[in-house]
Amino acid sequence: MFAQCIPAPGTQIVIAQDSISGPHAIGFAFPIFGATYTDLHVSDHGICFLSNAGVPGVPPATPLVYSPAATSMTANGPVLCPFWSDTIPGAQGAFYVDAQSTQCTVTWANVQSFGYAEPLMTFQMTLFPNGEIEFVYDPQVTNNSTYASPGDHGVIGVSPGMPAALPIASDLSASPTTIDATVFEEFAVAGGFDMAVDALRLVPMNPGWAVTHVHEGSGCAYVEAYGNGCEGMVLTSNPPALGTIWELETDGLNVVSQIGFTFFAFGRAPNQPFSSFGLNAPGCEGHLPLNFIVTRLVGVNTNGHMSVTVTMPTVAPWLIGESFTNQTFGFTNQNLAGIAASNALECTMGN
């Protein structure tokens, strides 16, 4: 699976390595933990503190920020951890705050783990006036550090801070519900973070939280492969976002198939073997709902590879969140039906 989840970042702010910057205005009174807060303090290490014009005060940045530990979540003021790890700006890292009346988004763009030039990773946190929080991660996000434990840990979650007690950890990817004000997951092994390309929505339950694992994110373009291709046919795609070119690439077409056909449909169907349609093509499956196929594109087979493209409009808000399923079919001399098929993709339109 692959997502293009990171929208326009907003206004750049300056954060030095191993520091906490702020206060930065949220843009509204953000309700959380039985209070409201107007300001954020942002660290290059993916941890934020809440305040009202600096009250309560933020803790000293070092060594806290480069020593991610869940126990520290309840030792200071109210804290939000979209991805608390040993990330630093490096040569290309940048930080942004986009404070609006309807949402406030903080972006860590192209940061790196301490001691590692790659991967460059981008993640975001968005706060909403109803108290909901969303964390969004690009495909490269991971926890690591040459500073070693606990530097190579990762912590995500929220806490009202002192004097709250630290509850047991949750598996946030499993969409838990808790009655505790503190909810978190700690990744104590380098590279253990398991929600890259995904998003989490934290919904306040008063008390506690309902955590929803939302792979699309808000307005996020997303691609999920499902089902199996036959005879080595594989369909891949970039995420279809507004203002971009949506490219669907098929590999493994048989040499006898001078052209191939990539179909577009609404919805997904159970994997159905070709034999259920009376076709003798062992191992080949159909994955599209036949009643909801809307179009097909024809591409030329060049040495087993075929590409079809769709130019996405720049402004089409009604498309955001719309999903298509796609599958490619081609001719073959390897089965009696003369037809082979790829796996399928579910592609969600984003911005």
Protein backbone atom coordinates (compact mmCIF):
# COMPACT_ATOMS: atom_id res chain seq x y z
CA MET A 1 0.00 0.00 0.00
CA PHE A 2 1.05 3.56 -0.61
CA ALA A 3 -0.37 6.96 0.25
CA GLN A 4 0.19 10.58 -0.61
CA CYS A 5 -1.05 12.05 2.67
CA ILE A 6 0.75 15.31 3.22
CA PRO A 7 -1.09 18.47 2.10
CA ALA A 8 0.33 22.00 1.79
CA PRO A 9 2.30 22.66 4.98
CA GLY A 10 1.56 26.32 5.87
CA THR A 11 4.01 28.87 7.32
CA GLN A 12 7.57 27.76 7.99
CA ILE A 13 8.89 28.08 11.52
CA VAL A 14 12.47 27.76 12.71
CA ILE A 15 13.38 24.92 15.06
CA ALA A 16 17.01 24.26 15.91
CA GLN A 17 18.24 20.73 16.52
CA ASP A 18 17.31 19.37 19.97
CA SER A 19 15.04 22.28 20.83
CA ILE A 20 11.42 23.31 21.42
CA SER A 21 10.03 26.31 19.54
CA GLY A 22 7.05 28.44 20.56
CA PRO A 23 4.54 29.45 21.56
CA HIS A 24 2.83 29.24 18.17
CA ALA A 25 -0.85 30.17 17.91
CA ILE A 26 -3.25 27.31 17.21
CA GLY A 27 -5.88 29.62 15.68
CA PHE A 28 -8.68 28.64 18.07
CA ALA A 29 -9.14 27.45 21.65
CA PHE A 30 -8.35 23.76 21.38
CA PRO A 31 -10.34 21.70 23.92
CA ILE A 32 -8.54 18.77 25.53
CA PHE A 33 -8.10 17.21 28.98
CA GLY A 34 -10.95 19.33 30.41
CA ALA A 35 -9.32 22.64 29.45
CA THR A 36 -8.63 24.73 26.35
CA TYR A 37 -5.29 25.82 24.94
CA THR A 38 -4.43 28.51 22.42
CA ASP A 39 -0.76 27.75 21.75
CA LEU A 40 1.65 24.99 20.72
CA HIS A 41 5.33 24.47 21.47
CA VAL A 42 6.94 22.31 18.78
CA SER A 43 10.12 20.24 18.92
CA ASP A 44 12.14 18.94 15.98
CA HIS A 45 11.69 15.53 17.64
CA GLY A 46 7.96 15.23 16.92
CA ILE A 47 6.75 16.12 20.42
CA CYS A 48 4.55 19.15 21.22
CA PHE A 49 3.40 20.86 24.41
CA LEU A 50 0.19 22.87 24.87
CA SER A 51 -0.10 26.18 26.68
CA ASN A 52 -1.97 29.45 26.96
CA ALA A 53 0.69 32.04 26.08
CA GLY A 54 3.37 29.89 27.73
CA VAL A 55 1.36 28.71 30.75
CA PRO A 56 2.02 25.99 31.79
CA GLY A 57 5.67 26.27 30.96
CA VAL A 58 7.45 23.74 28.77
CA PRO A 59 10.22 21.50 30.13
CA PRO A 60 13.90 21.89 29.21
CA ALA A 61 14.43 20.46 25.73
CA THR A 62 17.54 18.42 26.45
CA PRO A 63 17.89 15.59 27.10
CA LEU A 64 14.11 15.09 26.99
CA VAL A 65 13.51 15.51 23.27
CA TYR A 66 16.16 13.04 22.08
CA SER A 67 15.31 10.45 24.74
CA PRO A 68 11.77 9.33 23.79
CA ALA A 69 10.16 7.45 26.67
CA ALA A 70 6.51 6.94 27.46
CA THR A 71 7.16 7.55 31.16
CA SER A 72 8.07 11.17 30.35
CA MET A 73 4.59 11.81 28.91
CA THR A 74 3.13 12.20 32.41
CA ALA A 75 6.08 14.09 33.91
CA ASN A 76 5.49 17.56 32.40
CA GLY A 77 2.63 19.63 30.97
CA PRO A 78 -0.03 18.53 28.47
CA VAL A 79 1.76 16.79 25.62
CA LEU A 80 0.98 15.60 22.10
CA CYS A 81 3.29 13.10 20.42
CA PRO A 82 2.50 12.61 16.73
CA PHE A 83 5.88 10.91 16.34
CA TRP A 84 8.25 11.50 19.22
CA SER A 85 11.59 10.02 18.16
CA ASP A 86 15.19 11.12 17.67
CA THR A 87 14.43 13.11 14.52
CA ILE A 88 16.54 16.14 13.64
CA PRO A 89 16.38 18.75 10.85
CA GLY A 90 19.55 17.55 9.12
CA ALA A 91 20.33 19.30 5.84
CA GLN A 92 16.80 19.29 4.38
CA GLY A 93 14.38 19.27 7.32
CA ALA A 94 11.79 22.03 7.66
CA PHE A 95 8.87 22.72 10.00
CA TYR A 96 5.53 24.38 9.38
CA VAL A 97 2.45 25.53 11.25
CA ASP A 98 -0.79 26.19 9.39
CA ALA A 99 -3.12 27.81 11.95
CA GLN A 100 -6.69 28.30 10.69
CA SER A 101 -9.99 28.81 12.46
CA THR A 102 -11.13 25.32 11.43
CA GLN A 103 -7.94 23.32 11.99
CA CYS A 104 -4.27 23.68 12.90
CA THR A 105 -1.69 21.52 11.14
CA VAL A 106 1.93 21.08 12.18
CA THR A 107 4.32 19.49 9.65
CA TRP A 108 7.73 17.93 10.13
CA ALA A 109 9.06 17.75 6.56
CA ASN A 110 12.10 15.79 5.37
CA VAL A 111 13.52 15.22 8.83
CA GLN A 112 15.95 12.37 9.52
CA SER A 113 16.87 10.12 12.41
CA PHE A 114 19.94 11.20 14.36
CA GLY A 115 23.04 9.60 12.84
CA TYR A 116 21.26 8.53 9.63
CA ALA A 117 21.17 10.62 6.46
CA GLU A 118 18.29 8.53 5.14
CA PRO A 119 15.41 8.03 5.02
CA LEU A 120 14.00 11.54 4.93
CA MET A 121 10.55 11.42 6.45
CA THR A 122 7.53 13.66 6.72
CA PHE A 123 4.64 13.51 9.18
CA GLN A 124 1.86 15.81 10.35
CA MET A 125 -0.44 16.54 13.26
CA THR A 126 -3.78 18.30 12.83
CA LEU A 127 -5.92 19.67 15.68
CA PHE A 128 -9.65 20.33 15.22
CA PRO A 129 -11.97 22.66 17.21
CA ASN A 130 -14.04 19.68 18.43
CA GLY A 131 -10.99 18.25 20.20
CA GLU A 132 -10.17 15.59 17.62
CA ILE A 133 -6.55 15.02 16.61
CA GLU A 134 -5.10 13.41 13.50
CA PHE A 135 -1.60 12.04 12.99
CA VAL A 136 -0.49 11.33 9.39
CA TYR A 137 2.70 9.56 8.27
CA ASP A 138 4.46 9.28 4.93
CA PRO A 139 5.97 5.96 3.73
CA GLN A 140 9.44 6.68 5.15
CA VAL A 141 8.56 7.33 8.80
CA THR A 142 10.56 5.12 11.16
CA ASN A 143 12.17 5.29 14.60
CA ASN A 144 15.95 5.05 14.83
CA SER A 145 19.04 6.74 16.26
CA THR A 146 22.74 6.09 16.67
CA TYR A 147 22.28 7.56 20.16
CA ALA A 148 20.93 4.08 21.04
CA SER A 149 18.26 3.31 23.62
CA PRO A 150 16.08 5.21 24.36
CA GLY A 151 17.09 7.44 21.43
CA ASP A 152 16.03 4.81 18.94
CA HIS A 153 12.56 4.51 20.53
CA GLY A 154 9.39 6.03 19.12
CA VAL A 155 6.37 7.23 21.11
CA ILE A 156 3.00 8.33 19.75
CA GLY A 157 0.00 9.44 21.78
CA VAL A 158 -1.34 12.20 24.04
CA SER A 159 -1.35 12.91 27.78
CA PRO A 160 -2.49 15.67 30.15
CA GLY A 161 0.91 15.36 31.78
CA MET A 162 1.62 15.72 35.48
CA PRO A 163 0.14 14.34 37.76
CA ALA A 164 -1.56 11.75 35.52
CA ALA A 165 -0.60 8.11 35.98
CA LEU A 166 0.79 6.27 32.97
CA PRO A 167 -1.62 3.51 31.87
CA ILE A 168 -0.62 0.40 30.00
CA ALA A 169 0.34 0.92 26.37
CA SER A 170 -2.16 0.45 23.54
CA ASP A 171 -1.76 -0.97 20.06
CA LEU A 172 -2.91 2.18 18.29
CA SER A 173 -3.02 0.50 14.88
CA ALA A 174 -5.78 -1.75 16.27
CA SER A 175 -8.12 1.23 16.86
CA PRO A 176 -8.48 0.92 20.64
CA THR A 177 -10.92 2.73 22.93
CA THR A 178 -9.78 3.82 26.38
CA ILE A 179 -11.29 5.69 29.33
CA ASP A 180 -7.88 7.09 30.32
CA ALA A 181 -6.84 10.63 29.35
CA THR A 182 -3.40 9.29 28.41
CA VAL A 183 -3.25 6.99 25.40
CA PHE A 184 0.01 5.95 23.78
CA GLU A 185 2.12 3.33 22.05
CA GLU A 186 5.87 2.99 22.46
CA PHE A 187 8.15 1.37 19.88
CA ALA A 188 11.16 0.18 21.86
CA VAL A 189 12.96 -1.47 18.94
CA ALA A 190 14.62 0.60 16.20
CA GLY A 191 12.54 0.48 13.03
CA GLY A 192 9.54 -0.93 14.89
CA PHE A 193 7.03 1.75 13.89
CA ASP A 194 4.25 -0.01 11.97
CA MET A 195 1.98 2.78 10.72
CA ALA A 196 4.00 4.44 7.94
CA VAL A 197 1.73 5.67 5.09
CA ASP A 198 -1.21 5.57 7.48
CA ALA A 199 -3.14 7.96 9.69
CA LEU A 200 -4.64 7.93 13.18
CA ARG A 201 -7.70 9.91 14.28
CA LEU A 202 -8.03 10.39 18.06
CA VAL A 203 -11.61 11.21 19.07
CA PRO A 204 -12.22 12.44 22.64
CA MET A 205 -14.78 10.34 24.53
CA ASN A 206 -14.76 12.32 27.82
CA PRO A 207 -13.32 10.34 29.46
CA GLY A 208 -10.73 8.73 27.27
CA TRP A 209 -10.27 8.31 23.55
CA ALA A 210 -11.49 6.32 20.61
CA VAL A 211 -8.57 5.80 18.24
CA THR A 212 -9.38 5.14 14.62
CA HIS A 213 -6.76 3.73 12.27
CA VAL A 214 -7.57 5.54 9.00
CA HIS A 215 -5.24 4.60 6.17
CA GLU A 216 -6.65 7.29 3.88
CA GLY A 217 -6.18 10.19 6.29
CA SER A 218 -8.06 13.44 5.66
CA GLY A 219 -8.04 14.16 1.95
CA CYS A 220 -5.25 11.65 1.48
CA ALA A 221 -4.71 9.90 -1.82
CA TYR A 222 -4.20 6.20 -1.20
CA VAL A 223 -3.48 2.98 -3.09
CA GLU A 224 -4.08 -0.52 -1.72
CA ALA A 225 -3.26 -3.65 -3.73
CA TYR A 226 -5.42 -6.72 -3.23
CA GLY A 227 -6.01 -10.08 -4.88
CA ASN A 228 -3.49 -11.93 -7.03
CA GLY A 229 -2.45 -11.63 -10.64
CA CYS A 230 -1.76 -14.65 -12.81
CA GLU A 231 1.12 -15.47 -15.16
CA GLY A 232 3.24 -12.81 -13.48
CA MET A 233 0.99 -9.82 -14.23
CA VAL A 234 1.33 -7.01 -11.67
CA LEU A 235 -0.56 -3.69 -11.57
CA THR A 236 0.88 -0.74 -9.62
CA SER A 237 -0.09 2.91 -9.33
CA ASN A 238 0.89 6.21 -7.80
CA PRO A 239 -1.72 7.79 -5.49
CA PRO A 240 -4.30 9.75 -7.56
CA ALA A 241 -4.18 13.31 -6.21
CA LEU A 242 -5.77 16.43 -7.66
CA GLY A 243 -3.47 18.35 -10.01
CA THR A 244 -1.26 15.33 -10.75
CA ILE A 245 -1.03 12.62 -13.40
CA TRP A 246 -2.42 9.29 -12.21
CA GLU A 247 -0.21 6.56 -13.65
CA LEU A 248 -1.26 2.89 -13.68
CA GLU A 249 1.58 0.58 -14.67
CA THR A 250 1.18 -3.09 -15.62
CA ASP A 251 4.11 -5.48 -15.90
CA GLY A 252 4.24 -9.11 -16.99
CA LEU A 253 2.00 -8.90 -20.05
CA ASN A 254 2.38 -11.87 -22.40
CA VAL A 255 4.24 -11.18 -25.65
CA VAL A 256 1.18 -12.17 -27.69
CA SER A 257 -0.84 -9.34 -26.12
CA GLN A 258 0.00 -6.30 -28.23
CA ILE A 259 -2.35 -4.23 -26.08
CA GLY A 260 -3.84 -4.49 -22.61
CA PHE A 261 -6.95 -3.15 -20.91
CA THR A 262 -7.05 -1.45 -17.52
CA PHE A 263 -10.60 -1.32 -16.16
CA PHE A 264 -12.03 1.18 -13.64
CA ALA A 265 -14.95 0.30 -11.35
CA PHE A 266 -16.69 1.48 -8.21
CA GLY A 267 -16.41 -0.89 -5.25
CA ARG A 268 -14.63 -4.17 -4.68
CA ALA A 269 -15.79 -7.70 -5.43
CA PRO A 270 -14.75 -10.98 -3.80
CA ASN A 271 -11.93 -12.65 -5.69
CA GLN A 272 -13.61 -14.81 -8.31
CA PRO A 273 -11.67 -17.46 -10.29
CA PHE A 274 -12.10 -17.22 -14.05
CA SER A 275 -13.58 -20.72 -13.92
CA SER A 276 -16.71 -19.22 -12.28
CA PHE A 277 -17.26 -17.36 -15.56
CA GLY A 278 -16.71 -20.52 -17.60
CA LEU A 279 -13.14 -19.60 -18.56
CA ASN A 280 -10.30 -22.16 -18.44
CA ALA A 281 -7.52 -19.98 -17.00
CA PRO A 282 -6.04 -21.67 -13.90
CA GLY A 283 -4.83 -19.23 -11.25
CA CYS A 284 -6.52 -16.21 -12.84
CA GLU A 285 -9.06 -14.20 -10.83
CA GLY A 286 -11.46 -11.33 -11.38
CA HIS A 287 -11.58 -8.67 -8.68
CA LEU A 288 -13.98 -6.05 -10.08
CA PRO A 289 -17.76 -5.81 -9.55
CA LEU A 290 -19.04 -6.31 -13.10
CA ASN A 291 -22.13 -4.17 -12.57
CA PHE A 292 -20.06 -1.17 -11.54
CA ILE A 293 -17.36 -1.01 -14.21
CA VAL A 294 -17.35 2.58 -15.48
CA THR A 295 -14.61 2.69 -18.12
CA ARG A 296 -11.45 1.09 -19.46
CA LEU A 297 -8.19 2.45 -20.87
CA VAL A 298 -6.17 0.70 -23.56
CA GLY A 299 -2.38 0.66 -23.45
CA VAL A 300 0.37 -0.68 -25.71
CA ASN A 301 2.44 -3.64 -24.53
CA THR A 302 6.14 -2.74 -24.75
CA ASN A 303 8.34 -5.64 -23.69
CA GLY A 304 5.77 -6.78 -21.15
CA HIS A 305 5.07 -3.31 -19.78
CA MET A 306 1.98 -1.16 -20.29
CA SER A 307 1.16 2.29 -18.94
CA VAL A 308 -2.12 4.20 -18.90
CA THR A 309 -2.51 7.67 -17.42
CA VAL A 310 -5.27 9.99 -16.24
CA THR A 311 -4.67 13.73 -15.85
CA MET A 312 -6.40 14.73 -12.63
CA PRO A 313 -8.15 18.13 -12.48
CA THR A 314 -6.61 20.76 -10.25
CA VAL A 315 -9.89 21.82 -8.64
CA ALA A 316 -12.51 19.10 -8.13
CA PRO A 317 -13.36 18.83 -4.42
CA TRP A 318 -16.18 16.37 -5.15
CA LEU A 319 -13.55 13.79 -6.18
CA ILE A 320 -11.69 13.87 -2.85
CA GLY A 321 -12.34 10.60 -1.03
CA GLU A 322 -13.81 8.88 -4.11
CA SER A 323 -12.45 5.38 -4.64
CA PHE A 324 -11.99 3.33 -7.81
CA THR A 325 -10.87 -0.25 -8.20
CA ASN A 326 -8.64 -1.14 -11.12
CA GLN A 327 -7.49 -4.34 -12.80
CA THR A 328 -5.63 -5.04 -16.04
CA PHE A 329 -6.44 -7.82 -18.53
CA GLY A 330 -4.36 -9.02 -21.46
CA PHE A 331 -4.18 -11.84 -23.98
CA THR A 332 -2.03 -14.92 -23.39
CA ASN A 333 -1.06 -18.21 -24.98
CA GLN A 334 -0.51 -19.85 -21.59
CA ASN A 335 -4.08 -20.97 -20.92
CA LEU A 336 -7.05 -22.19 -22.96
CA ALA A 337 -9.13 -19.07 -22.25
CA GLY A 338 -6.47 -16.87 -23.83
CA ILE A 339 -6.85 -14.21 -21.11
CA ALA A 340 -4.69 -13.31 -18.10
CA ALA A 341 -5.22 -10.72 -15.40
CA SER A 342 -3.31 -8.66 -12.87
CA ASN A 343 -3.94 -8.11 -9.19
CA ALA A 344 -6.34 -5.27 -8.37
CA LEU A 345 -5.87 -1.83 -6.80
CA GLU A 346 -8.23 0.28 -4.75
CA CYS A 347 -7.28 3.91 -5.39
CA THR A 348 -8.69 6.75 -3.27
CA MET A 349 -8.64 10.27 -4.70
CA GLY A 350 -6.90 12.88 -2.58
CA ASN A 351 -5.76 16.46 -2.62
